Amino acid sequence: MRRRLLSGTAIRLLPALLLIVLALVGPVLAPHAIDTPVTGPYAEPGAGAALGGDLLGRDVLSRLLSGGRELVVSALVAAALVTAISAVLGALGALRPGIGRVIDRTADLLMLLPAVLGLLLIALAWRDGGRYTIVLAAVLLGVPYAVRLVAGAAAPIAASGYVEAAAAGGERLGHLIFREVLPNLRATLLALFGLRFVAATYLVATAGFLQIGPHPPAADWALMIRENGPGIMLNPWSVVAPGLLIGLLAMSVNLAAAALTPQHGRKAVRP
């Protein structure tokens, strides 16, 4: 039975691993240079270009293989930072209700800002940030939603007997957060990481579509959709392929996070 469960988990992890590895090593596998025309504009798939050409006749397959690394790394970093920051703030708010009310009100205020507007404001304030601007925007826009989720999950743990006993025994706040509360939120944090990765992927893709971050002739999946949209009827692969990979990446990582989520996240109450 255990072997069957492990096999099922491996199957659910495999798509995400394959896509991430493909995005990371893709530039090495690209058959052509990403900025060199090899065929006619919007040429159909052929021997020289397996997925045809883009608006300038560049190989779509080569640009596809080279265009996912920055998106994947940016989304992973943003999701990890959002999860880590929200975990600490949520646990802190659950353990210290006064601080928790301040965190909640601040999160409520930040959630009023639309994601695209927030992205544009941060990009205007930090024009030369490049990918760092996008990651910062993903973190600032993602933490308010995530911290409310973590705080709600941490509240019953903070009120449990073993946490109260540890606090009464003189344990410091850092010990209570990292040794008592957060280990019991593994399931919540893994699920949260998957959700924030999906949100970060779409935000990074939106930034690329708006040309915030990567600029032509850079190879970027979202930028490819923007550039080749006018020629979708001539060579659909120049638009469909990057859009499909963005969607598959988001879904597969979310599925992998769900597969890794433990069924029972809390430990037994200490005597």
Protein backbone atom coordinates (compact mmCIF):
# COMPACT_ATOMS: atom_id res chain seq x y z
CA MET A 1 0.00 0.00 0.00
CA ARG A 2 2.81 2.36 0.94
CA ARG A 3 4.62 1.57 -2.30
CA ARG A 4 1.47 2.38 -4.25
CA LEU A 5 1.15 5.74 -2.48
CA LEU A 6 4.78 6.59 -3.24
CA SER A 7 4.26 5.63 -6.87
CA GLY A 8 1.19 7.87 -7.09
CA THR A 9 3.11 10.77 -5.53
CA ALA A 10 5.99 10.29 -8.00
CA ILE A 11 3.57 10.36 -10.93
CA ARG A 12 2.07 13.64 -9.70
CA LEU A 13 5.51 15.15 -9.19
CA LEU A 14 6.89 14.10 -12.57
CA PRO A 15 5.17 16.71 -14.83
CA ALA A 16 6.36 19.61 -12.68
CA LEU A 17 9.90 18.25 -12.49
CA LEU A 18 10.07 17.70 -16.24
CA LEU A 19 8.80 21.19 -17.06
CA ILE A 20 11.11 22.89 -14.56
CA VAL A 21 14.13 20.93 -15.79
CA LEU A 22 13.18 21.69 -19.41
CA ALA A 23 12.90 25.40 -18.61
CA LEU A 24 16.26 25.44 -16.82
CA VAL A 25 18.28 23.48 -19.40
CA GLY A 26 16.26 24.54 -22.43
CA PRO A 27 18.74 27.18 -23.65
CA VAL A 28 21.39 24.47 -23.99
CA LEU A 29 19.04 22.36 -26.13
CA ALA A 30 17.97 25.16 -28.47
CA PRO A 31 18.94 24.23 -32.05
CA HIS A 32 19.31 27.86 -33.24
CA ALA A 33 20.27 31.23 -31.82
CA ILE A 34 17.23 33.01 -30.41
CA ASP A 35 17.82 36.25 -32.34
CA THR A 36 18.82 34.83 -35.75
CA PRO A 37 16.18 34.46 -38.50
CA VAL A 38 16.17 30.95 -39.96
CA THR A 39 12.99 31.08 -42.03
CA GLY A 40 10.32 33.46 -43.27
CA PRO A 41 8.11 35.49 -40.93
CA TYR A 42 5.37 33.30 -39.46
CA ALA A 43 6.53 30.37 -41.60
CA GLU A 44 4.77 27.08 -41.01
CA PRO A 45 6.62 24.22 -39.26
CA GLY A 46 9.22 22.65 -41.49
CA ALA A 47 12.58 20.93 -41.59
CA GLY A 48 14.54 24.02 -40.54
CA ALA A 49 12.11 25.04 -37.80
CA ALA A 50 10.07 22.33 -36.09
CA LEU A 51 7.49 24.83 -34.79
CA GLY A 52 7.85 27.33 -37.61
CA GLY A 53 9.00 30.94 -37.44
CA ASP A 54 7.92 33.98 -35.47
CA LEU A 55 7.28 37.54 -36.69
CA LEU A 56 10.95 37.94 -37.71
CA GLY A 57 11.49 34.40 -38.95
CA ARG A 58 13.29 33.27 -35.79
CA ASP A 59 12.93 29.64 -34.74
CA VAL A 60 9.93 29.33 -32.41
CA LEU A 61 11.24 26.10 -30.86
CA SER A 62 14.59 27.68 -29.95
CA ARG A 63 12.91 30.70 -28.40
CA LEU A 64 10.48 28.41 -26.60
CA LEU A 65 13.31 26.37 -25.09
CA SER A 66 15.18 29.52 -24.07
CA GLY A 67 12.20 31.51 -22.79
CA GLY A 68 11.15 29.64 -19.65
CA ARG A 69 14.18 29.86 -17.37
CA GLU A 70 13.67 33.40 -16.11
CA LEU A 71 9.93 32.90 -15.68
CA VAL A 72 10.36 29.70 -13.66
CA VAL A 73 13.12 31.09 -11.45
CA SER A 74 11.21 34.33 -10.82
CA ALA A 75 8.00 32.48 -9.92
CA LEU A 76 9.82 30.01 -7.64
CA VAL A 77 11.67 32.78 -5.80
CA ALA A 78 8.51 34.86 -5.41
CA ALA A 79 6.45 31.90 -4.18
CA ALA A 80 9.14 30.87 -1.69
CA LEU A 81 9.49 34.42 -0.32
CA VAL A 82 5.72 34.91 -0.02
CA THR A 83 5.33 31.58 1.78
CA ALA A 84 8.22 32.24 4.17
CA ILE A 85 7.22 35.82 5.01
CA SER A 86 3.55 34.91 5.42
CA ALA A 87 4.42 31.92 7.61
CA VAL A 88 6.38 34.06 10.07
CA LEU A 89 3.88 36.95 10.08
CA GLY A 90 0.88 34.62 10.36
CA ALA A 91 2.39 32.68 13.27
CA LEU A 92 3.44 35.94 14.94
CA GLY A 93 -0.08 37.33 14.60
CA ALA A 94 -1.60 34.17 16.06
CA LEU A 95 0.75 34.22 19.06
CA ARG A 96 0.49 37.98 19.64
CA PRO A 97 -3.14 39.05 18.92
CA GLY A 98 -2.31 42.76 19.18
CA ILE A 99 0.32 42.47 16.46
CA GLY A 100 -2.03 40.17 14.55
CA ARG A 101 -4.69 42.89 14.34
CA VAL A 102 -2.16 45.32 12.88
CA ILE A 103 -1.05 42.70 10.32
CA ASP A 104 -4.67 41.96 9.39
CA ARG A 105 -5.56 45.63 8.87
CA THR A 106 -2.44 46.21 6.80
CA ALA A 107 -3.21 43.13 4.69
CA ASP A 108 -6.81 44.32 4.18
CA LEU A 109 -5.52 47.67 2.95
CA LEU A 110 -3.00 46.15 0.54
CA MET A 111 -5.57 43.73 -0.87
CA LEU A 112 -7.55 46.69 -2.19
CA LEU A 113 -4.79 47.34 -4.74
CA PRO A 114 -5.41 45.49 -8.05
CA ALA A 115 -2.52 43.24 -9.05
CA VAL A 116 -1.86 44.82 -12.45
CA LEU A 117 -2.03 48.36 -11.02
CA GLY A 118 0.35 47.39 -8.24
CA LEU A 119 2.72 45.85 -10.76
CA LEU A 120 2.71 49.02 -12.85
CA LEU A 121 3.27 51.26 -9.83
CA ILE A 122 6.24 49.22 -8.63
CA ALA A 123 7.66 49.10 -12.15
CA LEU A 124 7.40 52.89 -12.44
CA ALA A 125 9.05 53.37 -9.05
CA TRP A 126 11.92 50.99 -9.90
CA ARG A 127 12.48 51.36 -13.62
CA ASP A 128 15.86 49.62 -13.76
CA GLY A 129 14.95 46.68 -11.54
CA GLY A 130 14.27 44.23 -14.36
CA ARG A 131 13.33 40.81 -12.99
CA TYR A 132 13.85 42.04 -9.44
CA THR A 133 10.99 44.48 -9.94
CA ILE A 134 8.67 41.64 -10.94
CA VAL A 135 9.70 39.45 -7.99
CA LEU A 136 9.23 42.37 -5.59
CA ALA A 137 5.78 43.05 -7.02
CA ALA A 138 4.81 39.38 -6.74
CA VAL A 139 5.93 39.31 -3.10
CA LEU A 140 4.25 42.56 -2.06
CA LEU A 141 1.01 41.63 -3.80
CA GLY A 142 1.03 38.02 -2.61
CA VAL A 143 1.82 38.38 1.09
CA PRO A 144 -1.47 40.10 2.10
CA TYR A 145 -3.56 37.18 0.82
CA ALA A 146 -1.21 34.51 2.12
CA VAL A 147 -0.76 35.93 5.60
CA ARG A 148 -4.50 35.84 6.26
CA LEU A 149 -4.58 32.17 5.34
CA VAL A 150 -1.62 31.30 7.55
CA ALA A 151 -2.96 33.32 10.48
CA GLY A 152 -6.27 31.50 10.32
CA ALA A 153 -4.54 28.10 10.29
CA ALA A 154 -2.11 29.10 13.05
CA ALA A 155 -4.71 30.44 15.48
CA PRO A 156 -5.93 27.06 16.85
CA ILE A 157 -2.33 25.82 17.10
CA ALA A 158 -1.28 28.91 19.05
CA ALA A 159 -4.15 28.27 21.48
CA SER A 160 -3.29 24.58 21.98
CA GLY A 161 -2.00 23.20 25.25
CA TYR A 162 1.56 22.41 24.24
CA VAL A 163 2.16 25.93 22.88
CA GLU A 164 0.71 27.48 26.03
CA ALA A 165 2.89 25.18 28.11
CA ALA A 166 5.98 26.19 26.15
CA ALA A 167 5.12 29.88 26.59
CA ALA A 168 4.51 29.40 30.31
CA GLY A 169 7.87 27.63 30.53
CA GLY A 170 9.63 30.78 29.37
CA GLU A 171 10.31 29.86 25.74
CA ARG A 172 11.04 32.85 23.55
CA LEU A 173 8.82 34.06 20.74
CA GLY A 174 11.22 32.78 18.06
CA HIS A 175 11.11 29.29 19.58
CA LEU A 176 7.31 29.34 19.65
CA ILE A 177 7.12 30.39 15.99
CA PHE A 178 9.75 28.11 14.48
CA ARG A 179 9.60 25.10 16.80
CA GLU A 180 6.01 24.93 17.96
CA VAL A 181 3.69 26.55 15.40
CA LEU A 182 5.29 26.36 11.96
CA PRO A 183 6.15 22.62 12.05
CA ASN A 184 2.42 21.97 12.46
CA LEU A 185 1.58 24.08 9.42
CA ARG A 186 3.47 21.98 6.87
CA ALA A 187 0.32 20.98 5.00
CA THR A 188 -0.95 24.56 4.89
CA LEU A 189 2.40 25.98 3.80
CA LEU A 190 2.90 23.42 1.02
CA ALA A 191 -0.57 24.10 -0.34
CA LEU A 192 0.09 27.82 -0.01
CA PHE A 193 3.37 27.52 -1.91
CA GLY A 194 1.57 25.82 -4.80
CA LEU A 195 -1.11 28.50 -4.92
CA ARG A 196 1.39 31.35 -4.71
CA PHE A 197 3.52 29.78 -7.44
CA VAL A 198 0.49 29.78 -9.74
CA ALA A 199 -0.25 33.42 -8.84
CA ALA A 200 3.40 34.39 -9.30
CA THR A 201 3.57 32.60 -12.66
CA TYR A 202 0.60 34.54 -13.97
CA LEU A 203 1.93 37.82 -12.59
CA VAL A 204 5.37 37.25 -14.13
CA ALA A 205 3.68 36.29 -17.40
CA THR A 206 1.54 39.43 -17.24
CA ALA A 207 4.67 41.50 -16.67
CA GLY A 208 6.32 39.91 -19.68
CA PHE A 209 3.23 40.54 -21.79
CA LEU A 210 3.31 44.20 -20.72
CA GLN A 211 7.08 44.31 -21.44
CA ILE A 212 7.89 44.99 -17.78
CA GLY A 213 11.16 43.18 -17.32
CA PRO A 214 12.15 41.34 -20.52
CA HIS A 215 12.35 43.37 -23.73
CA PRO A 216 12.81 42.30 -27.36
CA PRO A 217 14.78 40.46 -28.62
CA ALA A 218 14.81 38.49 -25.35
CA ALA A 219 13.16 35.08 -25.43
CA ASP A 220 10.30 34.98 -22.93
CA TRP A 221 7.13 32.92 -23.11
CA ALA A 222 4.81 35.82 -22.29
CA LEU A 223 6.70 38.17 -24.57
CA MET A 224 6.38 35.61 -27.38
CA ILE A 225 2.59 35.69 -27.01
CA ARG A 226 2.57 39.48 -27.23
CA GLU A 227 4.94 39.65 -30.18
CA ASN A 228 3.34 36.94 -32.28
CA GLY A 229 -0.31 37.62 -31.57
CA PRO A 230 -0.90 39.34 -34.93
CA GLY A 231 0.34 36.24 -36.80
CA ILE A 232 -1.56 33.60 -34.88
CA MET A 233 -3.54 32.60 -37.97
CA LEU A 234 -0.33 32.16 -40.00
CA ASN A 235 1.64 30.13 -37.46
CA PRO A 236 -0.48 29.31 -34.39
CA TRP A 237 2.45 27.55 -32.66
CA SER A 238 4.22 30.89 -32.11
CA VAL A 239 1.42 31.83 -29.67
CA VAL A 240 -0.19 28.54 -28.62
CA ALA A 241 3.05 26.81 -27.58
CA PRO A 242 4.25 29.40 -25.01
CA GLY A 243 0.72 29.90 -23.67
CA LEU A 244 0.30 26.15 -23.26
CA LEU A 245 3.60 25.84 -21.41
CA ILE A 246 2.69 28.65 -18.99
CA GLY A 247 -0.60 26.96 -18.16
CA LEU A 248 0.94 23.49 -17.81
CA LEU A 249 3.71 24.82 -15.59
CA ALA A 250 1.28 26.48 -13.19
CA MET A 251 -1.00 23.44 -12.98
CA SER A 252 1.79 20.89 -12.63
CA VAL A 253 3.55 22.72 -9.78
CA ASN A 254 0.25 23.14 -7.95
CA LEU A 255 -0.39 19.42 -8.40
CA ALA A 256 3.10 18.61 -7.11
CA ALA A 257 2.58 20.75 -4.00
CA ALA A 258 -0.71 18.96 -3.32
CA ALA A 259 1.03 15.58 -3.71
CA LEU A 260 3.66 16.56 -1.14
CA THR A 261 1.13 17.87 1.35
CA PRO A 262 1.01 15.59 4.42
CA GLN A 263 -2.39 14.24 5.35
CA HIS A 264 -1.94 15.11 9.02
CA GLY A 265 -0.09 18.33 9.67
CA ARG A 266 -0.35 18.55 13.47
CA LYS A 267 1.63 16.70 16.05
CA ALA A 268 0.09 15.21 19.13
CA VAL A 269 -0.37 17.48 22.12
CA ARG A 270 2.49 17.08 24.56
CA PRO A 271 1.69 15.77 28.01
